[in-house]
Protein backbone atom coordinates (compact mmCIF):
# COMPACT_ATOMS: atom_id res chain seq x y z
CA UNK A 1 124.77 106.83 113.47
CA UNK A 2 124.40 105.19 109.39
CA UNK A 3 124.38 108.71 107.41
CA UNK A 4 123.37 107.32 103.95
CA UNK A 5 120.84 108.59 102.34
CA UNK A 6 119.07 105.55 100.68
CA UNK A 7 117.77 105.17 104.62
CA UNK A 8 116.14 107.40 105.16
CA UNK A 9 113.55 106.42 103.62
CA UNK A 10 111.50 103.18 104.83
CA UNK A 11 110.14 101.23 108.04
CA UNK A 12 112.07 102.40 111.01
CA UNK A 13 111.92 100.22 114.31
CA UNK A 14 111.42 101.23 117.84
CA UNK A 15 111.19 99.51 121.33
CA UNK A 16 110.93 100.23 124.86
CA UNK A 17 113.88 100.08 126.78
CA UNK A 18 113.81 100.23 130.62
CA UNK A 19 110.90 102.61 129.41
CA UNK A 20 113.02 104.95 127.31
CA UNK A 21 111.63 104.60 123.20
CA UNK A 22 115.00 103.20 121.26
CA UNK A 23 115.58 102.46 117.60
CA UNK A 24 116.74 99.39 117.09
CA UNK A 25 115.90 98.90 113.46
CA UNK A 26 115.96 100.26 109.95
CA UNK A 27 113.88 98.71 106.27
CA UNK A 28 114.69 100.50 103.87
CA UNK A 29 113.36 99.93 99.97
CA UNK A 30 115.33 100.82 97.53
CA UNK A 31 114.86 100.42 93.98
CA UNK A 32 117.49 100.41 90.90
CA UNK A 33 117.89 103.13 88.77
CA UNK A 34 115.77 102.88 85.03
CA UNK A 35 118.81 101.87 82.86
CA UNK A 36 120.26 100.09 86.20
CA UNK A 37 120.86 95.95 84.81
CA UNK A 38 120.34 93.44 87.71
CA UNK A 39 123.49 92.67 87.66
CA UNK A 40 125.30 96.30 88.87
CA UNK A 41 122.15 96.56 91.39
CA UNK A 42 123.41 93.88 92.81
CA UNK A 43 126.69 95.07 93.26
CA UNK A 44 125.36 98.70 94.37
CA UNK A 45 123.28 96.36 96.63
CA UNK A 46 126.66 94.43 98.49
CA UNK A 47 128.82 97.43 98.40
CA UNK A 48 125.65 99.01 100.67
CA UNK A 49 125.86 95.83 102.29
CA UNK A 50 129.37 96.55 102.98
CA UNK A 51 129.65 99.78 104.96
CA UNK A 52 126.58 98.92 106.14
CA UNK A 53 128.31 95.72 107.97
CA UNK A 54 131.26 98.25 109.10
CA UNK A 55 129.43 100.58 110.97
CA UNK A 56 129.54 100.42 114.55
CA UNK A 57 126.43 100.82 115.14
CA UNK A 58 125.45 98.03 112.95
CA UNK A 59 124.64 94.59 114.78
CA UNK A 60 122.91 92.80 111.83
CA UNK A 61 121.98 93.56 107.74
CA UNK A 62 119.94 91.28 105.56
CA UNK A 63 119.20 91.79 101.62
CA UNK A 64 116.57 90.68 99.93
CA UNK A 65 115.59 90.88 96.73
CA UNK A 66 112.04 91.23 94.52
CA UNK A 67 111.90 90.43 91.62
CA UNK A 68 109.40 90.49 88.26
CA UNK A 69 109.49 88.58 85.68
CA UNK A 70 113.69 87.93 85.74
CA UNK A 71 113.99 91.39 86.60
CA UNK A 72 114.68 93.36 89.95
CA UNK A 73 112.40 95.34 91.26
CA UNK A 74 112.96 96.11 94.67
CA UNK A 75 115.63 95.76 97.42
CA UNK A 76 113.92 95.13 100.95
CA UNK A 77 117.37 95.72 103.45
CA UNK A 78 116.87 94.65 106.71
CA UNK A 79 119.46 96.51 109.35
CA UNK A 80 119.61 95.14 113.62
CA UNK A 81 121.19 98.38 114.72
CA UNK A 82 122.52 98.62 118.37
CA UNK A 83 119.66 100.48 119.99
CA UNK A 84 119.65 104.19 120.09
CA UNK A 85 117.84 107.01 122.10
CA UNK A 86 115.14 108.63 120.17
CA UNK A 87 112.78 110.11 122.27
CA UNK A 88 109.45 111.00 121.35
CA UNK A 89 109.85 114.58 119.66
CA UNK A 90 106.63 117.15 121.16
CA UNK A 91 103.46 117.99 118.90
CA UNK A 92 103.40 121.07 117.91
CA UNK A 93 100.23 121.12 116.81
CA UNK A 94 96.88 122.08 118.24
CA UNK A 95 94.68 119.44 119.70
CA UNK A 96 91.06 118.96 118.39
CA UNK A 97 89.44 120.11 115.41
CA UNK A 98 91.33 121.51 112.48
CA UNK A 99 92.22 125.48 112.64
CA UNK A 100 91.58 126.54 108.83
CA UNK A 101 89.37 125.81 106.46
CA UNK A 102 90.77 123.09 103.68
CA UNK A 103 90.45 123.08 99.41
CA UNK A 104 88.95 126.28 97.74
CA UNK A 105 85.54 125.10 97.59
CA UNK A 106 83.01 127.53 98.14
CA UNK A 107 85.07 130.34 99.01
CA UNK A 108 85.16 131.61 95.24
CA UNK A 109 88.15 131.59 94.37
CA UNK A 110 89.34 128.83 91.19
CA UNK A 111 88.19 128.55 87.46
CA UNK A 112 85.41 130.52 86.83
CA UNK A 113 84.09 127.62 84.06
CA UNK A 114 80.60 129.54 82.41
CA UNK A 115 81.42 133.31 82.20
CA UNK A 116 78.75 135.51 84.54
């Protein structure tokens, strides 16, 4: 399975196959570094695309650059995967309303604006 740090962020696509949940795709969004030129960013994304295409768990890769005022602002990479079993993990949160108060308002904490 893919282990590239850049692919940890973005959208994931799931599909039910024979009643079991599978991960079937990724769509990470990657932005250029502040000091990176368009050409350097395109080269870096090209290398990432080659790595992805060489992964046995990847069926298809498509790279799409988004431009604004002659500069690349982000790259969307659409990755179609060989389906990977991805069961839904149990939710450990309690059901119902919140179990803890949120915020500090009304509990006497925080900065006092007027000395008493």
